[in-house]
Amino acid sequence: MSRVVVTGRIPEAAIEKLRAEHDVDAWSGPESIGREELLRRVAGADAIVSLLTERVDAELLDAAGPQLKVVANVAVGYDNIDVSACTARGVVATNTPGVLTDATADIAFGLILMATRRLGEGERLIRSGEAWKWGMFFLLGSSLQGKTLGVVGMGGIGQATARRAKAFGMEIVYQSRSEIDPTITAELNARRVDLDELLAVSDVVSLHCPYGPATHHLIGAEQLAAMKSSAFLVNTARGPIVDEDALATALRDRTIAGAGLDVYEQEPRVHPGLLELDNVALLPHLGSATVETRTAMAMLAADNALAVLSGEQPPAPIA
């Protein structure tokens, strides 16, 4: 039996699947595991099932030892994993794409509605106990029908968000590093543009690109200034894709109309400038937070680990 270390709490069904074949050391504490404890626990591991809260770097890989075969990340994003360090040590790195597509797209579109229709402001007003009265100009928002959604990163989640937008009567433009299946663009009646044009024509910009050096602060002061003053920015990808200092300033100065965020530059810290503003909807990284999705993610991560330990190709290797 191989030794599998699970770095955080995951659904029990995935733990049971791993335990059926291997010796499993699963962290069960109420909070994220501390770094020193993590380095101690991974020693001698053949497989590590990691959460996005853990940094998988050369230090961690060396602490595990040369017998380590696989790091199975329970996330579609893998900016917490030094993939090149894994490759150099012959360690297979995997992730969990596909199974969280619809859940994350639901949150993205939920944030679009929250931002454009000022739902967060309305909910806070009711809970505050302040007096209010219906009126023709009370908490007016913006409609979506006939407006343009700009999707930055037209992978699975971007496509699923675009489908939801089309159902609401929106036009779709997108920016992507590569061409997508023409049947999808035809289905969505979507037009590929560069980022500059996307920012200029979109009424809502939704971010779905992976995070890395090329996308760090992809959206900063210059890009926000290029957007319509009536436009909204939504981010359900990774926090550092957006320069939060610049975003807070743009929202305060009404350079753009509003924003919806599920991810942050320094999670779980939220930029204090954002907390002071009413024209931004803020969620605590809920993109994949459904029972069904988190279970599917954990089960796919377990399948990835089990495949590598059996000498087989994992279902979802990181290219």
Protein backbone atom coordinates (compact mmCIF):
# COMPACT_ATOMS: atom_id res chain seq x y z
CA MET A 1 0.00 0.00 0.00
CA SER A 2 1.19 3.50 -0.86
CA ARG A 3 1.00 6.43 1.52
CA VAL A 4 -1.40 9.22 0.54
CA VAL A 5 -1.42 12.57 2.35
CA VAL A 6 -4.53 14.74 2.03
CA THR A 7 -3.69 18.32 2.99
CA GLY A 8 -7.18 19.49 3.99
CA ARG A 9 -10.75 18.40 4.62
CA ILE A 10 -12.45 16.88 1.57
CA PRO A 11 -15.70 14.90 1.19
CA GLU A 12 -15.53 11.56 3.00
CA ALA A 13 -16.46 9.61 -0.14
CA ALA A 14 -13.11 10.54 -1.68
CA ILE A 15 -11.24 9.60 1.49
CA GLU A 16 -12.97 6.22 1.54
CA LYS A 17 -12.07 5.62 -2.09
CA LEU A 18 -8.40 6.29 -1.37
CA ARG A 19 -8.44 4.20 1.83
CA ALA A 20 -9.83 1.21 -0.05
CA GLU A 21 -6.44 0.85 -1.74
CA HIS A 22 -3.88 2.83 0.24
CA ASP A 23 -2.80 4.16 3.63
CA VAL A 24 -4.30 7.65 3.96
CA ASP A 25 -3.19 10.45 6.27
CA ALA A 26 -5.95 13.07 5.97
CA TRP A 27 -5.88 16.42 7.74
CA SER A 28 -9.12 16.83 9.66
CA GLY A 29 -8.54 20.08 11.49
CA PRO A 30 -11.13 22.85 11.27
CA GLU A 31 -8.71 25.23 9.51
CA SER A 32 -6.00 24.97 6.90
CA ILE A 33 -2.98 22.96 7.90
CA GLY A 34 0.05 24.96 9.01
CA ARG A 35 3.13 24.95 6.82
CA GLU A 36 5.42 23.24 9.30
CA GLU A 37 2.86 20.55 10.03
CA LEU A 38 2.33 20.04 6.31
CA LEU A 39 6.06 19.64 5.65
CA ARG A 40 6.23 17.10 8.47
CA ARG A 41 3.23 15.08 7.31
CA VAL A 42 4.22 14.77 3.65
CA ALA A 43 7.52 13.06 4.48
CA GLY A 44 7.49 9.65 2.80
CA ALA A 45 4.26 10.28 0.88
CA ASP A 46 3.71 8.56 -2.46
CA ALA A 47 0.81 10.85 -3.30
CA ILE A 48 -0.34 14.26 -2.10
CA VAL A 49 -3.95 15.36 -2.53
CA SER A 50 -3.70 19.13 -2.17
CA LEU A 51 -6.11 22.00 -1.76
CA LEU A 52 -5.60 25.40 -3.39
CA THR A 53 -4.72 26.84 0.04
CA GLU A 54 -1.46 24.84 0.11
CA ARG A 55 1.66 25.91 -1.78
CA VAL A 56 3.19 22.94 -3.56
CA ASP A 57 6.74 24.05 -4.31
CA ALA A 58 10.27 22.65 -4.33
CA GLU A 59 10.43 22.79 -0.54
CA LEU A 60 7.29 20.67 -0.15
CA LEU A 61 8.27 18.22 -2.88
CA ASP A 62 11.71 17.71 -1.33
CA ALA A 63 10.13 17.29 2.10
CA ALA A 64 8.00 14.49 0.68
CA GLY A 65 10.99 12.71 -0.80
CA PRO A 66 12.01 11.06 -4.09
CA GLN A 67 9.31 8.36 -3.86
CA LEU A 68 6.56 10.96 -4.41
CA LYS A 69 4.68 10.12 -7.62
CA VAL A 70 1.71 12.48 -7.86
CA VAL A 71 0.25 15.74 -6.60
CA ALA A 72 -3.53 15.75 -7.15
CA ASN A 73 -4.90 19.27 -6.77
CA VAL A 74 -8.57 19.55 -5.76
CA ALA A 75 -9.13 22.56 -8.01
CA VAL A 76 -9.16 23.43 -11.67
CA GLY A 77 -6.69 26.28 -11.14
CA TYR A 78 -3.17 25.26 -10.18
CA ASP A 79 -1.33 28.51 -9.51
CA ASN A 80 -0.54 27.04 -6.07
CA ILE A 81 1.55 24.31 -7.72
CA ASP A 82 5.04 24.73 -9.13
CA VAL A 83 4.45 22.45 -12.11
CA SER A 84 8.00 22.79 -13.40
CA ALA A 85 9.36 21.68 -10.01
CA CYS A 86 7.05 18.65 -10.15
CA THR A 87 8.20 17.80 -13.67
CA ALA A 88 11.85 18.11 -12.71
CA ARG A 89 11.31 15.53 -9.97
CA GLY A 90 9.23 13.17 -12.08
CA VAL A 91 6.06 13.98 -10.11
CA VAL A 92 2.78 14.01 -12.03
CA ALA A 93 0.58 17.04 -11.28
CA THR A 94 -3.18 16.84 -11.85
CA ASN A 95 -6.24 19.06 -11.41
CA THR A 96 -10.04 18.79 -11.56
CA PRO A 97 -11.38 20.51 -14.71
CA GLY A 98 -14.89 20.12 -16.01
CA VAL A 99 -16.70 19.06 -12.85
CA LEU A 100 -16.97 22.61 -11.48
CA THR A 101 -17.86 24.35 -14.74
CA ASP A 102 -21.59 24.88 -14.16
CA ALA A 103 -21.28 25.74 -10.48
CA THR A 104 -18.70 28.45 -11.17
CA ALA A 105 -20.63 29.80 -14.15
CA ASP A 106 -23.70 30.05 -11.91
CA ILE A 107 -21.73 32.16 -9.43
CA ALA A 108 -20.33 34.33 -12.23
CA PHE A 109 -23.78 35.04 -13.54
CA GLY A 110 -25.10 35.50 -10.03
CA LEU A 111 -22.47 38.20 -9.52
CA ILE A 112 -23.46 39.80 -12.82
CA LEU A 113 -27.04 40.06 -11.56
CA MET A 114 -25.96 41.22 -8.11
CA ALA A 115 -23.81 43.99 -9.56
CA THR A 116 -26.09 45.19 -12.35
CA ARG A 117 -29.31 45.04 -10.33
CA ARG A 118 -27.76 46.23 -7.03
CA LEU A 119 -29.03 43.21 -5.16
CA GLY A 120 -26.37 43.39 -2.46
CA GLU A 121 -27.27 47.00 -1.72
CA GLY A 122 -30.93 46.11 -1.47
CA GLU A 123 -30.31 43.17 0.86
CA ARG A 124 -28.07 45.27 3.11
CA LEU A 125 -30.71 48.00 3.26
CA ILE A 126 -33.40 45.57 4.40
CA ARG A 127 -31.15 44.03 7.06
CA SER A 128 -30.08 47.46 8.34
CA GLY A 129 -33.61 48.18 9.52
CA GLU A 130 -33.57 51.58 7.83
CA ALA A 131 -36.85 52.93 6.56
CA TRP A 132 -37.40 52.60 2.82
CA LYS A 133 -40.19 53.22 0.35
CA TRP A 134 -40.76 52.02 -3.19
CA GLY A 135 -40.29 54.72 -5.82
CA MET A 136 -39.70 55.05 -9.56
CA PHE A 137 -36.03 55.87 -9.05
CA PHE A 138 -35.34 53.70 -5.99
CA LEU A 139 -32.16 51.58 -6.34
CA LEU A 140 -32.29 51.62 -10.12
CA GLY A 141 -30.01 49.08 -11.76
CA SER A 142 -29.09 48.17 -15.31
CA SER A 143 -30.83 45.62 -17.53
CA LEU A 144 -28.90 42.93 -19.39
CA GLN A 145 -31.08 42.40 -22.46
CA GLY A 146 -29.36 43.71 -25.57
CA LYS A 147 -26.12 44.40 -23.68
CA THR A 148 -22.72 42.87 -24.43
CA LEU A 149 -20.86 40.39 -22.26
CA GLY A 150 -17.10 40.27 -22.74
CA VAL A 151 -15.60 36.93 -21.71
CA VAL A 152 -11.87 36.95 -20.99
CA GLY A 153 -10.80 33.31 -21.29
CA MET A 154 -13.24 31.22 -23.30
CA GLY A 155 -12.61 27.84 -21.71
CA GLY A 156 -15.33 25.65 -20.25
CA ILE A 157 -16.41 28.09 -17.53
CA GLY A 158 -16.27 31.07 -19.87
CA GLN A 159 -18.43 29.21 -22.38
CA ALA A 160 -20.93 28.18 -19.70
CA THR A 161 -21.17 31.79 -18.49
CA ALA A 162 -21.70 32.94 -22.08
CA ARG A 163 -24.56 30.44 -22.49
CA ARG A 164 -26.26 31.91 -19.45
CA ALA A 165 -25.75 35.41 -20.81
CA LYS A 166 -27.20 34.47 -24.18
CA ALA A 167 -30.29 33.13 -22.41
CA PHE A 168 -30.68 36.60 -20.88
CA GLY A 169 -30.54 38.22 -24.32
CA MET A 170 -26.93 39.39 -24.22
CA GLU A 171 -24.48 39.62 -27.11
CA ILE A 172 -21.16 37.80 -26.62
CA VAL A 173 -17.61 38.83 -27.44
CA TYR A 174 -14.59 36.98 -26.14
CA GLN A 175 -10.82 37.10 -25.87
CA SER A 176 -8.91 33.84 -25.90
CA ARG A 177 -5.33 32.71 -26.48
CA SER A 178 -6.53 30.26 -29.10
CA GLU A 179 -9.48 29.61 -31.36
CA ILE A 180 -12.36 27.62 -29.88
CA ASP A 181 -14.60 25.10 -31.57
CA PRO A 182 -16.52 26.97 -34.32
CA THR A 183 -19.69 25.10 -33.41
CA ILE A 184 -19.54 26.78 -29.99
CA THR A 185 -19.03 30.26 -31.42
CA ALA A 186 -21.92 29.60 -33.78
CA GLU A 187 -24.14 28.39 -30.93
CA LEU A 188 -23.36 31.49 -28.91
CA ASN A 189 -23.12 33.84 -31.89
CA ALA A 190 -19.88 34.90 -30.22
CA ARG A 191 -17.21 37.09 -31.80
CA ARG A 192 -13.50 36.83 -30.99
CA VAL A 193 -11.78 40.16 -30.35
CA ASP A 194 -8.59 41.37 -28.71
CA LEU A 195 -8.65 42.54 -25.10
CA ASP A 196 -8.63 46.24 -25.99
CA GLU A 197 -11.74 45.93 -28.14
CA LEU A 198 -13.44 43.69 -25.59
CA LEU A 199 -12.96 46.26 -22.84
CA ALA A 200 -14.22 49.06 -25.07
CA VAL A 201 -17.44 47.42 -26.25
CA SER A 202 -18.54 45.30 -23.26
CA ASP A 203 -21.21 46.28 -20.77
CA VAL A 204 -20.06 43.43 -18.49
CA VAL A 205 -16.53 41.98 -18.49
CA SER A 206 -16.27 38.51 -16.91
CA LEU A 207 -12.84 37.02 -16.17
CA HIS A 208 -12.27 33.28 -16.70
CA CYS A 209 -8.61 33.07 -17.69
CA PRO A 210 -6.01 31.05 -15.76
CA TYR A 211 -3.65 32.91 -13.45
CA GLY A 212 0.07 33.08 -14.16
CA PRO A 213 2.80 35.62 -14.91
CA ALA A 214 1.12 36.57 -18.19
CA THR A 215 -2.20 37.39 -16.49
CA HIS A 216 -0.94 39.00 -13.27
CA HIS A 217 -2.78 42.34 -13.02
CA LEU A 218 -4.18 41.78 -16.51
CA ILE A 219 -6.86 44.23 -15.44
CA GLY A 220 -5.31 47.38 -13.98
CA ALA A 221 -5.89 51.13 -14.08
CA GLU A 222 -5.31 51.37 -17.83
CA GLN A 223 -7.75 48.58 -18.64
CA LEU A 224 -10.41 49.86 -16.25
CA ALA A 225 -10.15 53.32 -17.82
CA ALA A 226 -10.71 51.70 -21.24
CA MET A 227 -14.06 50.27 -20.13
CA LYS A 228 -17.37 52.07 -20.44
CA SER A 229 -18.25 54.19 -17.42
CA SER A 230 -21.52 52.22 -17.31
CA ALA A 231 -19.75 48.81 -17.40
CA PHE A 232 -19.26 46.15 -14.74
CA LEU A 233 -16.32 43.83 -13.99
CA VAL A 234 -16.80 40.31 -12.63
CA ASN A 235 -13.98 38.03 -11.44
CA THR A 236 -14.50 34.37 -10.54
CA ALA A 237 -11.07 33.22 -11.79
CA ARG A 238 -8.16 34.21 -9.53
CA GLY A 239 -7.75 37.37 -7.47
CA PRO A 240 -4.37 38.61 -8.71
CA ILE A 241 -5.65 38.87 -12.28
CA VAL A 242 -7.09 42.19 -11.10
CA ASP A 243 -5.09 45.03 -9.52
CA GLU A 244 -7.34 45.59 -6.51
CA ASP A 245 -5.84 49.01 -5.71
CA ALA A 246 -6.74 50.15 -9.19
CA LEU A 247 -10.19 48.55 -9.00
CA ALA A 248 -11.03 50.20 -5.69
CA THR A 249 -10.04 53.57 -7.13
CA ALA A 250 -12.03 53.00 -10.33
CA LEU A 251 -15.14 52.01 -8.37
CA ARG A 252 -14.80 54.93 -5.96
CA ASP A 253 -14.32 57.42 -8.80
CA ARG A 254 -17.06 55.77 -10.90
CA THR A 255 -14.62 55.09 -13.72
CA ILE A 256 -16.75 51.94 -14.06
CA ALA A 257 -20.23 51.42 -12.67
CA GLY A 258 -19.61 48.40 -10.48
CA ALA A 259 -18.04 45.00 -9.93
CA GLY A 260 -18.67 41.52 -8.58
CA LEU A 261 -15.84 39.53 -7.00
CA ASP A 262 -15.56 35.96 -5.74
CA VAL A 263 -11.74 35.93 -5.53
CA TYR A 264 -9.15 38.32 -4.13
CA GLU A 265 -5.48 39.18 -4.46
CA GLN A 266 -4.58 38.22 -0.90
CA GLU A 267 -7.29 35.79 0.12
CA PRO A 268 -8.88 35.71 2.61
CA ARG A 269 -8.01 39.40 3.03
CA VAL A 270 -10.24 41.74 1.05
CA HIS A 271 -8.90 45.12 0.01
CA PRO A 272 -10.26 47.61 2.60
CA GLY A 273 -11.09 50.08 -0.15
CA LEU A 274 -13.53 47.58 -1.63
CA LEU A 275 -15.25 46.96 1.70
CA GLU A 276 -16.16 50.64 1.90
CA LEU A 277 -18.01 50.68 -1.42
CA ASP A 278 -21.62 49.86 -2.23
CA ASN A 279 -21.05 49.35 -5.96
CA VAL A 280 -19.19 46.06 -5.58
CA ALA A 281 -20.71 42.67 -4.71
CA LEU A 282 -18.34 40.52 -2.64
CA LEU A 283 -18.47 36.73 -2.15
CA PRO A 284 -16.06 34.48 -0.18
CA HIS A 285 -14.76 32.26 -3.03
CA LEU A 286 -17.98 30.31 -3.55
CA GLY A 287 -17.43 29.42 -7.22
CA SER A 288 -17.47 25.65 -6.76
CA ALA A 289 -19.31 25.60 -3.45
CA THR A 290 -22.09 23.10 -3.98
CA VAL A 291 -22.22 19.71 -2.30
CA GLU A 292 -22.37 17.99 -5.67
CA THR A 293 -19.47 19.92 -7.19
CA ARG A 294 -17.08 19.70 -4.26
CA THR A 295 -17.75 15.96 -4.04
CA ALA A 296 -17.09 15.53 -7.76
CA MET A 297 -13.87 17.53 -7.47
CA ALA A 298 -12.60 15.41 -4.59
CA MET A 299 -13.54 12.17 -6.35
CA LEU A 300 -11.73 13.25 -9.52
CA ALA A 301 -8.64 14.16 -7.49
CA ALA A 302 -8.79 10.72 -5.85
CA ASP A 303 -9.11 9.08 -9.27
CA ASN A 304 -6.08 11.05 -10.47
CA ALA A 305 -3.98 9.93 -7.51
CA LEU A 306 -5.10 6.30 -7.74
CA ALA A 307 -4.36 6.14 -11.46
CA VAL A 308 -0.80 7.39 -11.08
CA LEU A 309 -0.15 5.09 -8.12
CA SER A 310 -1.32 2.20 -10.30
CA GLY A 311 1.04 3.20 -13.09
CA GLU A 312 -1.77 4.48 -15.30
CA GLN A 313 -2.48 7.78 -17.02
CA PRO A 314 -4.58 10.06 -14.75
CA PRO A 315 -7.93 11.39 -16.02
CA ALA A 316 -6.85 15.03 -15.67
CA PRO A 317 -3.10 15.63 -15.90
CA ILE A 318 -1.86 19.22 -15.96
CA ALA A 319 -0.34 19.73 -19.41
